[in-house]
Amino acid sequence: MLVALILFLGGMVVGLWSRVMLAFGLSGVVLALSVLAWMIRGEVSLVGVLVLFAHLAALQAGYLLGAYLQARGARA
């Protein structure tokens, strides 16, 4: 949960101050680190895949919120 919170806040910062390509890059980094952790631990399970999807969803949700807040602020 703490990792998801950090990813959500990081996605929000990216949404507020950067472009979507950085969010894609961060998603790639999260995916690469997850695969690396699976290789080190030597296990891939359904729960691990679901946790990966949850982390990616948290990152993307944070980005969407940040982009919305940035666009709403620019409009006002």
N, C-alpha and C. Protein backbone atom coordinates (compact mmCIF):
# COMPACT_ATOMS: atom_id res chain seq x y z
N MET A 1 0.81 -1.19 0.00
CA MET A 1 0.00 0.00 0.00
C MET A 1 0.86 1.27 0.00
N LEU A 2 1.97 1.21 0.70
CA LEU A 2 2.84 2.37 0.75
C LEU A 2 3.46 2.64 -0.63
N VAL A 3 3.82 1.58 -1.32
CA VAL A 3 4.38 1.74 -2.67
C VAL A 3 3.32 2.35 -3.60
N ALA A 4 2.08 1.88 -3.49
CA ALA A 4 1.01 2.42 -4.32
C ALA A 4 0.77 3.90 -4.01
N LEU A 5 0.85 4.27 -2.74
CA LEU A 5 0.68 5.68 -2.37
C LEU A 5 1.80 6.53 -2.96
N ILE A 6 3.02 6.04 -2.86
CA ILE A 6 4.16 6.77 -3.43
C ILE A 6 4.01 6.90 -4.95
N LEU A 7 3.58 5.83 -5.60
CA LEU A 7 3.37 5.89 -7.05
C LEU A 7 2.24 6.84 -7.41
N PHE A 8 1.17 6.86 -6.61
CA PHE A 8 0.06 7.77 -6.86
C PHE A 8 0.52 9.21 -6.75
N LEU A 9 1.25 9.53 -5.68
CA LEU A 9 1.74 10.89 -5.50
C LEU A 9 2.74 11.27 -6.58
N GLY A 10 3.61 10.33 -6.97
CA GLY A 10 4.54 10.59 -8.06
C GLY A 10 3.82 10.84 -9.37
N GLY A 11 2.79 10.07 -9.64
CA GLY A 11 1.98 10.28 -10.84
C GLY A 11 1.28 11.63 -10.81
N MET A 12 0.84 12.03 -9.63
CA MET A 12 0.18 13.32 -9.52
C MET A 12 1.16 14.46 -9.80
N VAL A 13 2.37 14.34 -9.31
CA VAL A 13 3.39 15.36 -9.58
C VAL A 13 3.69 15.42 -11.08
N VAL A 14 3.80 14.27 -11.71
CA VAL A 14 4.06 14.24 -13.16
C VAL A 14 2.89 14.89 -13.90
N GLY A 15 1.67 14.61 -13.48
CA GLY A 15 0.51 15.21 -14.12
C GLY A 15 0.44 16.71 -13.96
N LEU A 16 0.92 17.20 -12.83
CA LEU A 16 0.88 18.64 -12.58
C LEU A 16 1.95 19.39 -13.36
N TRP A 17 3.14 18.79 -13.51
CA TRP A 17 4.26 19.57 -14.04
C TRP A 17 4.95 19.00 -15.26
N SER A 18 4.43 17.94 -15.83
CA SER A 18 5.15 17.35 -16.95
C SER A 18 4.17 16.83 -17.99
N ARG A 19 4.71 16.09 -18.94
CA ARG A 19 3.91 15.54 -20.03
C ARG A 19 3.66 14.05 -19.82
N VAL A 20 2.78 13.53 -20.63
CA VAL A 20 2.37 12.14 -20.50
C VAL A 20 3.52 11.17 -20.81
N MET A 21 4.49 11.57 -21.60
CA MET A 21 5.59 10.67 -21.93
C MET A 21 6.39 10.29 -20.68
N LEU A 22 6.49 11.17 -19.72
CA LEU A 22 7.17 10.84 -18.48
C LEU A 22 6.37 9.80 -17.69
N ALA A 23 5.05 9.87 -17.74
CA ALA A 23 4.22 8.86 -17.08
C ALA A 23 4.42 7.50 -17.74
N PHE A 24 4.55 7.47 -19.07
CA PHE A 24 4.84 6.21 -19.76
C PHE A 24 6.20 5.66 -19.33
N GLY A 25 7.17 6.54 -19.22
CA GLY A 25 8.50 6.13 -18.78
C GLY A 25 8.48 5.57 -17.36
N LEU A 26 7.76 6.24 -16.47
CA LEU A 26 7.65 5.74 -15.11
C LEU A 26 6.95 4.39 -15.05
N SER A 27 5.95 4.20 -15.90
CA SER A 27 5.28 2.89 -15.97
C SER A 27 6.26 1.81 -16.42
N GLY A 28 7.11 2.15 -17.37
CA GLY A 28 8.13 1.20 -17.82
C GLY A 28 9.12 0.87 -16.72
N VAL A 29 9.49 1.87 -15.93
CA VAL A 29 10.41 1.63 -14.81
C VAL A 29 9.77 0.72 -13.77
N VAL A 30 8.50 0.97 -13.45
CA VAL A 30 7.78 0.12 -12.49
C VAL A 30 7.71 -1.31 -13.01
N LEU A 31 7.41 -1.48 -14.28
CA LEU A 31 7.35 -2.81 -14.87
C LEU A 31 8.71 -3.50 -14.82
N ALA A 32 9.78 -2.78 -15.18
CA ALA A 32 11.12 -3.36 -15.17
C ALA A 32 11.55 -3.75 -13.76
N LEU A 33 11.26 -2.92 -12.77
CA LEU A 33 11.63 -3.25 -11.40
C LEU A 33 10.84 -4.44 -10.87
N SER A 34 9.58 -4.55 -11.27
CA SER A 34 8.79 -5.71 -10.86
C SER A 34 9.33 -6.99 -11.47
N VAL A 35 9.67 -6.96 -12.73
CA VAL A 35 10.25 -8.14 -13.39
C VAL A 35 11.59 -8.50 -12.76
N LEU A 36 12.38 -7.49 -12.45
CA LEU A 36 13.67 -7.73 -11.79
C LEU A 36 13.46 -8.37 -10.42
N ALA A 37 12.50 -7.89 -9.67
CA ALA A 37 12.20 -8.48 -8.36
C ALA A 37 11.74 -9.93 -8.51
N TRP A 38 10.92 -10.19 -9.54
CA TRP A 38 10.47 -11.58 -9.77
C TRP A 38 11.65 -12.47 -10.12
N MET A 39 12.59 -11.96 -10.91
CA MET A 39 13.74 -12.78 -11.30
C MET A 39 14.64 -13.05 -10.09
N ILE A 40 14.83 -12.06 -9.24
CA ILE A 40 15.66 -12.25 -8.05
C ILE A 40 15.01 -13.25 -7.09
N ARG A 41 13.71 -13.12 -6.89
CA ARG A 41 13.01 -14.01 -5.97
C ARG A 41 12.74 -15.37 -6.59
N GLY A 42 12.75 -15.43 -7.90
CA GLY A 42 12.54 -16.70 -8.59
C GLY A 42 11.10 -17.18 -8.59
N GLU A 43 10.18 -16.26 -8.49
CA GLU A 43 8.78 -16.66 -8.51
C GLU A 43 7.92 -15.62 -9.22
N VAL A 44 6.99 -16.12 -9.96
CA VAL A 44 5.98 -15.28 -10.59
C VAL A 44 4.64 -15.92 -10.24
N SER A 45 3.77 -15.13 -9.65
CA SER A 45 2.47 -15.66 -9.25
C SER A 45 1.37 -14.71 -9.70
N LEU A 46 0.18 -15.20 -9.62
CA LEU A 46 -0.98 -14.39 -9.99
C LEU A 46 -1.09 -13.17 -9.07
N VAL A 47 -0.80 -13.37 -7.80
CA VAL A 47 -0.86 -12.25 -6.86
C VAL A 47 0.18 -11.18 -7.23
N GLY A 48 1.37 -11.61 -7.62
CA GLY A 48 2.39 -10.66 -8.04
C GLY A 48 1.97 -9.85 -9.25
N VAL A 49 1.33 -10.51 -10.20
CA VAL A 49 0.84 -9.81 -11.40
C VAL A 49 -0.27 -8.83 -11.03
N LEU A 50 -1.15 -9.23 -10.12
CA LEU A 50 -2.21 -8.32 -9.69
C LEU A 50 -1.65 -7.12 -8.93
N VAL A 51 -0.61 -7.35 -8.13
CA VAL A 51 0.03 -6.23 -7.43
C VAL A 51 0.68 -5.29 -8.45
N LEU A 52 1.31 -5.84 -9.47
CA LEU A 52 1.89 -5.00 -10.52
C LEU A 52 0.81 -4.16 -11.19
N PHE A 53 -0.32 -4.75 -11.52
CA PHE A 53 -1.41 -3.98 -12.14
C PHE A 53 -1.92 -2.91 -11.18
N ALA A 54 -1.98 -3.21 -9.89
CA ALA A 54 -2.43 -2.22 -8.91
C ALA A 54 -1.45 -1.06 -8.83
N HIS A 55 -0.16 -1.36 -8.87
CA HIS A 55 0.84 -0.29 -8.84
C HIS A 55 0.76 0.58 -10.09
N LEU A 56 0.61 -0.05 -11.24
CA LEU A 56 0.48 0.73 -12.48
C LEU A 56 -0.81 1.56 -12.47
N ALA A 57 -1.89 1.00 -11.93
CA ALA A 57 -3.14 1.75 -11.85
C ALA A 57 -3.00 2.94 -10.92
N ALA A 58 -2.30 2.78 -9.81
CA ALA A 58 -2.09 3.90 -8.89
C ALA A 58 -1.29 5.01 -9.56
N LEU A 59 -0.26 4.63 -10.31
CA LEU A 59 0.55 5.62 -11.02
C LEU A 59 -0.30 6.37 -12.05
N GLN A 60 -1.08 5.66 -12.82
CA GLN A 60 -1.90 6.29 -13.85
C GLN A 60 -3.02 7.14 -13.25
N ALA A 61 -3.61 6.67 -12.14
CA ALA A 61 -4.66 7.46 -11.49
C ALA A 61 -4.09 8.76 -10.94
N GLY A 62 -2.89 8.70 -10.37
CA GLY A 62 -2.25 9.92 -9.90
C GLY A 62 -1.96 10.87 -11.04
N TYR A 63 -1.49 10.34 -12.16
CA TYR A 63 -1.23 11.19 -13.32
C TYR A 63 -2.52 11.86 -13.80
N LEU A 64 -3.59 11.10 -13.89
CA LEU A 64 -4.85 11.67 -14.36
C LEU A 64 -5.36 12.76 -13.43
N LEU A 65 -5.24 12.54 -12.13
CA LEU A 65 -5.67 13.57 -11.18
C LEU A 65 -4.80 14.82 -11.32
N GLY A 66 -3.50 14.64 -11.40
CA GLY A 66 -2.61 15.78 -11.55
C GLY A 66 -2.87 16.56 -12.83
N ALA A 67 -3.07 15.84 -13.94
CA ALA A 67 -3.35 16.50 -15.22
C ALA A 67 -4.69 17.23 -15.16
N TYR A 68 -5.67 16.64 -14.50
CA TYR A 68 -6.96 17.31 -14.36
C TYR A 68 -6.83 18.59 -13.54
N LEU A 69 -6.11 18.50 -12.42
CA LEU A 69 -5.94 19.68 -11.59
C LEU A 69 -5.17 20.77 -12.31
N GLN A 70 -4.16 20.38 -13.09
CA GLN A 70 -3.37 21.35 -13.85
C GLN A 70 -4.23 22.01 -14.92
N ALA A 71 -5.03 21.23 -15.63
CA ALA A 71 -5.89 21.78 -16.68
C ALA A 71 -6.98 22.67 -16.07
N ARG A 72 -7.51 22.26 -14.95
CA ARG A 72 -8.55 23.06 -14.29
C ARG A 72 -7.97 24.39 -13.81
N GLY A 73 -6.73 24.36 -13.29
CA GLY A 73 -6.09 25.59 -12.84
C GLY A 73 -5.75 26.52 -13.98
N ALA A 74 -5.39 25.98 -15.12
CA ALA A 74 -5.04 26.80 -16.29
C ALA A 74 -6.28 27.45 -16.89
N ARG A 75 -7.41 26.79 -16.73
CA ARG A 75 -8.65 27.31 -17.29
C ARG A 75 -9.21 28.45 -16.45
N ALA A 76 -8.97 28.42 -15.15
CA ALA A 76 -9.57 29.43 -14.25
C ALA A 76 -8.88 30.76 -14.32
